Amino acid sequence: MMHRTPLLLLLGLTLLTGCAGKIPKEALALSQESLQVRQLETRRFATRDESQLLNASSALLQDMGFSIEEVNAPLGVLVGKKTRDARRAGQIVGAVLLALLTRVPMPTDSYQIMRASLVTRPLSNGKDTAVRITFQRIVYDTQERVTAAEPILEPEIYQEFFAKLSKSVFLDAQQI
């Protein structure tokens, strides 16, 4: 009986490992939508000076009202945030009407935290650096609960950011 237990255990483990399936190749592939979003969020700059890009990005984000929370120059990471009002008149009117009918106060959106996360990465050609920035928003209600957490994907925001960053990097390179 003692000799059978390890043998049965080994046989059971062998059967279980044989049941493990392989990960399909498409599970690790990026969708077309993911590639489009990445293109929106990323630009190439003709410089290897990541610290210059981080400094210019930091100044630009501060001009846009963000406070810088974290900078890790060796990793090429920059994170900023700003808080904005998230109240909407229609939502407040609806909550008041519902509260009058049900006598139960309804929470409404109160404020939102907008986050910007930027990463620089030297490219393999030895000359350029990629800059990728993502913008997100997290909305809190009057009871401090998260009501929305979503990426901001308006192309105009990214186009404006990269246009201003390009101008800043150019002016810095020309020492203007």
C-alpha atoms as a PDB file:
ATOM      1  CA  MET A   1       0.000   0.000   0.000  1.00  0.00           C
ATOM      2  CA  MET A   2       2.865   2.409   0.867  1.00  0.00           C
ATOM      3  CA  HIS A   3       4.489   1.811  -2.520  1.00  0.00           C
ATOM      4  CA  ARG A   4       1.288   2.446  -4.429  1.00  0.00           C
ATOM      5  CA  THR A   5       0.588   5.968  -3.068  1.00  0.00           C
ATOM      6  CA  PRO A   6       3.626   7.696  -4.673  1.00  0.00           C
ATOM      7  CA  LEU A   7       3.001   5.811  -7.892  1.00  0.00           C
ATOM      8  CA  LEU A   8      -0.671   6.881  -7.989  1.00  0.00           C
ATOM      9  CA  LEU A   9       0.294  10.453  -7.167  1.00  0.00           C
ATOM     10  CA  LEU A  10       2.869  10.508  -9.975  1.00  0.00           C
ATOM     11  CA  LEU A  11       0.355   9.026 -12.412  1.00  0.00           C
ATOM     12  CA  GLY A  12      -2.268  11.634 -11.417  1.00  0.00           C
ATOM     13  CA  LEU A  13       0.183  14.524 -11.901  1.00  0.00           C
ATOM     14  CA  THR A  14       1.214  13.164 -15.278  1.00  0.00           C
ATOM     15  CA  LEU A  15      -2.408  13.054 -16.404  1.00  0.00           C
ATOM     16  CA  LEU A  16      -3.026  16.619 -15.193  1.00  0.00           C
ATOM     17  CA  THR A  17      -0.026  18.053 -17.044  1.00  0.00           C
ATOM     18  CA  GLY A  18      -1.173  16.338 -20.209  1.00  0.00           C
ATOM     19  CA  CYS A  19      -4.477  18.245 -19.988  1.00  0.00           C
ATOM     20  CA  ALA A  20      -2.831  21.675 -20.015  1.00  0.00           C
ATOM     21  CA  GLY A  21      -3.648  23.455 -23.254  1.00  0.00           C
ATOM     22  CA  LYS A  22      -1.345  25.687 -25.238  1.00  0.00           C
ATOM     23  CA  ILE A  23      -1.860  29.435 -25.374  1.00  0.00           C
ATOM     24  CA  PRO A  24      -3.210  30.360 -28.799  1.00  0.00           C
ATOM     25  CA  LYS A  25      -0.956  32.711 -30.789  1.00  0.00           C
ATOM     26  CA  GLU A  26      -3.760  35.249 -31.253  1.00  0.00           C
ATOM     27  CA  ALA A  27      -4.125  35.603 -27.463  1.00  0.00           C
ATOM     28  CA  LEU A  28      -0.826  37.503 -27.346  1.00  0.00           C
ATOM     29  CA  ALA A  29      -1.397  39.593 -30.479  1.00  0.00           C
ATOM     30  CA  LEU A  30      -2.469  43.213 -30.229  1.00  0.00           C
ATOM     31  CA  SER A  31      -5.811  44.081 -31.774  1.00  0.00           C
ATOM     32  CA  GLN A  32      -6.073  46.631 -34.580  1.00  0.00           C
ATOM     33  CA  GLU A  33      -7.742  49.012 -32.118  1.00  0.00           C
ATOM     34  CA  SER A  34      -4.823  48.675 -29.673  1.00  0.00           C
ATOM     35  CA  LEU A  35      -2.359  49.473 -32.446  1.00  0.00           C
ATOM     36  CA  GLN A  36      -4.346  52.570 -33.451  1.00  0.00           C
ATOM     37  CA  VAL A  37      -4.449  53.803 -29.848  1.00  0.00           C
ATOM     38  CA  ARG A  38      -0.702  53.226 -29.491  1.00  0.00           C
ATOM     39  CA  GLN A  39      -0.083  55.248 -32.668  1.00  0.00           C
ATOM     40  CA  LEU A  40      -2.203  58.060 -31.246  1.00  0.00           C
ATOM     41  CA  GLU A  41      -0.208  58.040 -27.986  1.00  0.00           C
ATOM     42  CA  THR A  42       3.322  57.741 -29.430  1.00  0.00           C
ATOM     43  CA  ARG A  43       5.651  60.013 -31.386  1.00  0.00           C
ATOM     44  CA  ARG A  44       9.260  59.699 -32.503  1.00  0.00           C
ATOM     45  CA  PHE A  45      11.770  62.469 -31.782  1.00  0.00           C
ATOM     46  CA  ALA A  46      15.124  62.863 -33.515  1.00  0.00           C
ATOM     47  CA  THR A  47      17.163  62.955 -30.324  1.00  0.00           C
ATOM     48  CA  ARG A  48      18.763  60.524 -27.901  1.00  0.00           C
ATOM     49  CA  ASP A  49      18.539  63.031 -25.046  1.00  0.00           C
ATOM     50  CA  GLU A  50      15.779  61.491 -22.933  1.00  0.00           C
ATOM     51  CA  SER A  51      16.352  63.959 -20.096  1.00  0.00           C
ATOM     52  CA  GLN A  52      15.661  66.854 -22.489  1.00  0.00           C
ATOM     53  CA  LEU A  53      12.401  65.168 -23.548  1.00  0.00           C
ATOM     54  CA  LEU A  54      11.418  64.535 -19.915  1.00  0.00           C
ATOM     55  CA  ASN A  55      12.193  68.141 -18.918  1.00  0.00           C
ATOM     56  CA  ALA A  56      10.240  69.559 -21.855  1.00  0.00           C
ATOM     57  CA  SER A  57       7.336  67.174 -21.168  1.00  0.00           C
ATOM     58  CA  SER A  58       7.315  68.096 -17.487  1.00  0.00           C
ATOM     59  CA  ALA A  59       7.192  71.808 -18.263  1.00  0.00           C
ATOM     60  CA  LEU A  60       4.447  71.276 -20.848  1.00  0.00           C
ATOM     61  CA  LEU A  61       2.294  69.209 -18.496  1.00  0.00           C
ATOM     62  CA  GLN A  62       2.675  71.866 -15.799  1.00  0.00           C
ATOM     63  CA  ASP A  63       1.586  74.496 -18.341  1.00  0.00           C
ATOM     64  CA  MET A  64      -1.491  72.315 -18.961  1.00  0.00           C
ATOM     65  CA  GLY A  65      -2.332  72.417 -15.230  1.00  0.00           C
ATOM     66  CA  PHE A  66      -0.873  69.073 -14.168  1.00  0.00           C
ATOM     67  CA  SER A  67       1.193  68.704 -11.020  1.00  0.00           C
ATOM     68  CA  ILE A  68       4.098  66.327 -11.440  1.00  0.00           C
ATOM     69  CA  GLU A  69       3.836  63.377  -9.048  1.00  0.00           C
ATOM     70  CA  GLU A  70       6.752  61.234 -10.143  1.00  0.00           C
ATOM     71  CA  VAL A  71       9.815  61.484 -12.346  1.00  0.00           C
ATOM     72  CA  ASN A  72      12.236  58.630 -12.842  1.00  0.00           C
ATOM     73  CA  ALA A  73      14.772  59.848 -15.385  1.00  0.00           C
ATOM     74  CA  PRO A  74      16.816  56.616 -15.581  1.00  0.00           C
ATOM     75  CA  LEU A  75      13.633  54.723 -16.527  1.00  0.00           C
ATOM     76  CA  GLY A  76      12.232  57.557 -18.650  1.00  0.00           C
ATOM     77  CA  VAL A  77       8.992  57.831 -16.667  1.00  0.00           C
ATOM     78  CA  LEU A  78       6.934  60.913 -15.822  1.00  0.00           C
ATOM     79  CA  VAL A  79       3.520  60.957 -14.089  1.00  0.00           C
ATOM     80  CA  GLY A  80       1.290  63.955 -13.447  1.00  0.00           C
ATOM     81  CA  LYS A  81      -2.258  64.631 -12.327  1.00  0.00           C
ATOM     82  CA  LYS A  82      -4.808  67.399 -12.046  1.00  0.00           C
ATOM     83  CA  THR A  83      -8.195  67.605 -10.384  1.00  0.00           C
ATOM     84  CA  ARG A  84     -11.195  69.080 -12.163  1.00  0.00           C
ATOM     85  CA  ASP A  85     -14.890  69.546 -11.480  1.00  0.00           C
ATOM     86  CA  ALA A  86     -17.059  66.718 -12.842  1.00  0.00           C
ATOM     87  CA  ARG A  87     -20.508  68.075 -12.009  1.00  0.00           C
ATOM     88  CA  ARG A  88     -23.041  68.130 -14.836  1.00  0.00           C
ATOM     89  CA  ALA A  89     -26.245  70.134 -14.667  1.00  0.00           C
ATOM     90  CA  GLY A  90     -28.405  67.391 -16.170  1.00  0.00           C
ATOM     91  CA  GLN A  91     -27.191  64.812 -13.680  1.00  0.00           C
ATOM     92  CA  ILE A  92     -27.816  67.156 -10.741  1.00  0.00           C
ATOM     93  CA  VAL A  93     -31.342  68.015 -11.926  1.00  0.00           C
ATOM     94  CA  GLY A  94     -32.131  64.316 -12.369  1.00  0.00           C
ATOM     95  CA  ALA A  95     -30.794  63.480  -8.904  1.00  0.00           C
ATOM     96  CA  VAL A  96     -32.853  66.272  -7.311  1.00  0.00           C
ATOM     97  CA  LEU A  97     -36.042  65.134  -9.062  1.00  0.00           C
ATOM     98  CA  LEU A  98     -35.433  61.516  -8.107  1.00  0.00           C
ATOM     99  CA  ALA A  99     -34.698  62.517  -4.509  1.00  0.00           C
ATOM    100  CA  LEU A 100     -37.952  64.500  -4.367  1.00  0.00           C
ATOM    101  CA  LEU A 101     -39.929  61.512  -5.655  1.00  0.00           C
ATOM    102  CA  THR A 102     -38.254  58.821  -3.577  1.00  0.00           C
ATOM    103  CA  ARG A 103     -37.075  60.887  -0.597  1.00  0.00           C
ATOM    104  CA  VAL A 104     -33.686  59.212  -0.993  1.00  0.00           C
ATOM    105  CA  PRO A 105     -30.692  61.423  -1.780  1.00  0.00           C
ATOM    106  CA  MET A 106     -28.909  60.378  -4.958  1.00  0.00           C
ATOM    107  CA  PRO A 107     -25.161  60.794  -5.340  1.00  0.00           C
ATOM    108  CA  THR A 108     -23.899  62.723  -8.365  1.00  0.00           C
ATOM    109  CA  ASP A 109     -20.477  63.091  -9.928  1.00  0.00           C
ATOM    110  CA  SER A 110     -18.359  65.519  -7.950  1.00  0.00           C
ATOM    111  CA  TYR A 111     -14.788  65.731  -9.255  1.00  0.00           C
ATOM    112  CA  GLN A 112     -12.390  63.961 -11.549  1.00  0.00           C
ATOM    113  CA  ILE A 113      -8.693  63.254 -11.406  1.00  0.00           C
ATOM    114  CA  MET A 114      -6.967  63.401 -14.750  1.00  0.00           C
ATOM    115  CA  ARG A 115      -3.685  61.529 -14.999  1.00  0.00           C
ATOM    116  CA  ALA A 116      -0.921  61.771 -17.565  1.00  0.00           C
ATOM    117  CA  SER A 117       1.683  59.003 -17.778  1.00  0.00           C
ATOM    118  CA  LEU A 118       4.652  59.512 -20.082  1.00  0.00           C
ATOM    119  CA  VAL A 119       7.414  57.069 -21.015  1.00  0.00           C
ATOM    120  CA  THR A 120      10.486  57.656 -23.179  1.00  0.00           C
ATOM    121  CA  ARG A 121      12.293  54.829 -24.950  1.00  0.00           C
ATOM    122  CA  PRO A 122      15.415  54.936 -27.111  1.00  0.00           C
ATOM    123  CA  LEU A 123      14.808  53.383 -30.519  1.00  0.00           C
ATOM    124  CA  SER A 124      17.017  50.716 -32.058  1.00  0.00           C
ATOM    125  CA  ASN A 125      18.269  52.998 -34.837  1.00  0.00           C
ATOM    126  CA  GLY A 126      20.545  54.699 -32.294  1.00  0.00           C
ATOM    127  CA  LYS A 127      19.338  58.210 -33.197  1.00  0.00           C
ATOM    128  CA  ASP A 128      15.705  58.577 -32.133  1.00  0.00           C
ATOM    129  CA  THR A 129      13.613  58.354 -28.986  1.00  0.00           C
ATOM    130  CA  ALA A 130       9.957  57.383 -28.756  1.00  0.00           C
ATOM    131  CA  VAL A 131       7.677  59.289 -26.383  1.00  0.00           C
ATOM    132  CA  ARG A 132       4.397  57.702 -25.371  1.00  0.00           C
ATOM    133  CA  ILE A 133       1.851  59.535 -23.244  1.00  0.00           C
ATOM    134  CA  THR A 134      -1.489  58.301 -21.981  1.00  0.00           C
ATOM    135  CA  PHE A 135      -4.246  60.395 -20.463  1.00  0.00           C
ATOM    136  CA  GLN A 136      -6.870  58.893 -18.143  1.00  0.00           C
ATOM    137  CA  ARG A 137      -9.668  60.196 -15.977  1.00  0.00           C
ATOM    138  CA  ILE A 138     -11.173  58.850 -12.782  1.00  0.00           C
ATOM    139  CA  VAL A 139     -14.525  60.343 -11.721  1.00  0.00           C
ATOM    140  CA  TYR A 140     -15.655  60.378  -8.078  1.00  0.00           C
ATOM    141  CA  ASP A 141     -19.179  61.004  -6.833  1.00  0.00           C
ATOM    142  CA  THR A 142     -20.375  62.949  -3.797  1.00  0.00           C
ATOM    143  CA  GLN A 143     -19.908  59.803  -1.675  1.00  0.00           C
ATOM    144  CA  GLU A 144     -16.251  59.425  -2.798  1.00  0.00           C
ATOM    145  CA  ARG A 145     -17.002  56.360  -4.927  1.00  0.00           C
ATOM    146  CA  VAL A 146     -15.455  55.889  -8.359  1.00  0.00           C
ATOM    147  CA  THR A 147     -18.161  56.236 -11.009  1.00  0.00           C
ATOM    148  CA  ALA A 148     -15.905  56.111 -14.068  1.00  0.00           C
ATOM    149  CA  ALA A 149     -12.316  55.198 -14.845  1.00  0.00           C
ATOM    150  CA  GLU A 150     -11.434  55.483 -18.502  1.00  0.00           C
ATOM    151  CA  PRO A 151      -8.725  56.437 -20.952  1.00  0.00           C
ATOM    152  CA  ILE A 152      -9.029  59.757 -22.736  1.00  0.00           C
ATOM    153  CA  LEU A 153      -8.716  59.022 -26.450  1.00  0.00           C
ATOM    154  CA  GLU A 154      -9.600  62.318 -28.161  1.00  0.00           C
ATOM    155  CA  PRO A 155      -7.010  62.705 -30.938  1.00  0.00           C
ATOM    156  CA  GLU A 156      -6.967  66.508 -30.542  1.00  0.00           C
ATOM    157  CA  ILE A 157      -5.505  66.241 -27.033  1.00  0.00           C
ATOM    158  CA  TYR A 158      -2.624  64.055 -28.209  1.00  0.00           C
ATOM    159  CA  GLN A 159      -2.017  66.112 -31.348  1.00  0.00           C
ATOM    160  CA  GLU A 160      -1.881  69.320 -29.311  1.00  0.00           C
ATOM    161  CA  PHE A 161       0.452  67.795 -26.722  1.00  0.00           C
ATOM    162  CA  PHE A 162       2.899  66.451 -29.300  1.00  0.00           C
ATOM    163  CA  ALA A 163       2.798  69.650 -31.377  1.00  0.00           C
ATOM    164  CA  LYS A 164       3.735  71.704 -28.321  1.00  0.00           C
ATOM    165  CA  LEU A 165       6.366  69.163 -27.253  1.00  0.00           C
ATOM    166  CA  SER A 166       7.925  69.204 -30.738  1.00  0.00           C
ATOM    167  CA  LYS A 167       8.050  72.993 -30.662  1.00  0.00           C
ATOM    168  CA  SER A 168       9.603  72.989 -27.186  1.00  0.00           C
ATOM    169  CA  VAL A 169      12.246  70.411 -28.121  1.00  0.00           C
ATOM    170  CA  PHE A 170      13.075  72.347 -31.303  1.00  0.00           C
ATOM    171  CA  LEU A 171      13.405  75.637 -29.405  1.00  0.00           C
ATOM    172  CA  ASP A 172      15.604  73.964 -26.782  1.00  0.00           C
ATOM    173  CA  ALA A 173      17.826  72.469 -29.487  1.00  0.00           C
ATOM    174  CA  GLN A 174      18.183  75.900 -31.121  1.00  0.00           C
ATOM    175  CA  GLN A 175      18.733  77.463 -27.659  1.00  0.00           C
ATOM    176  CA  ILE A 176      15.952  79.963 -28.275  1.00  0.00           C
END
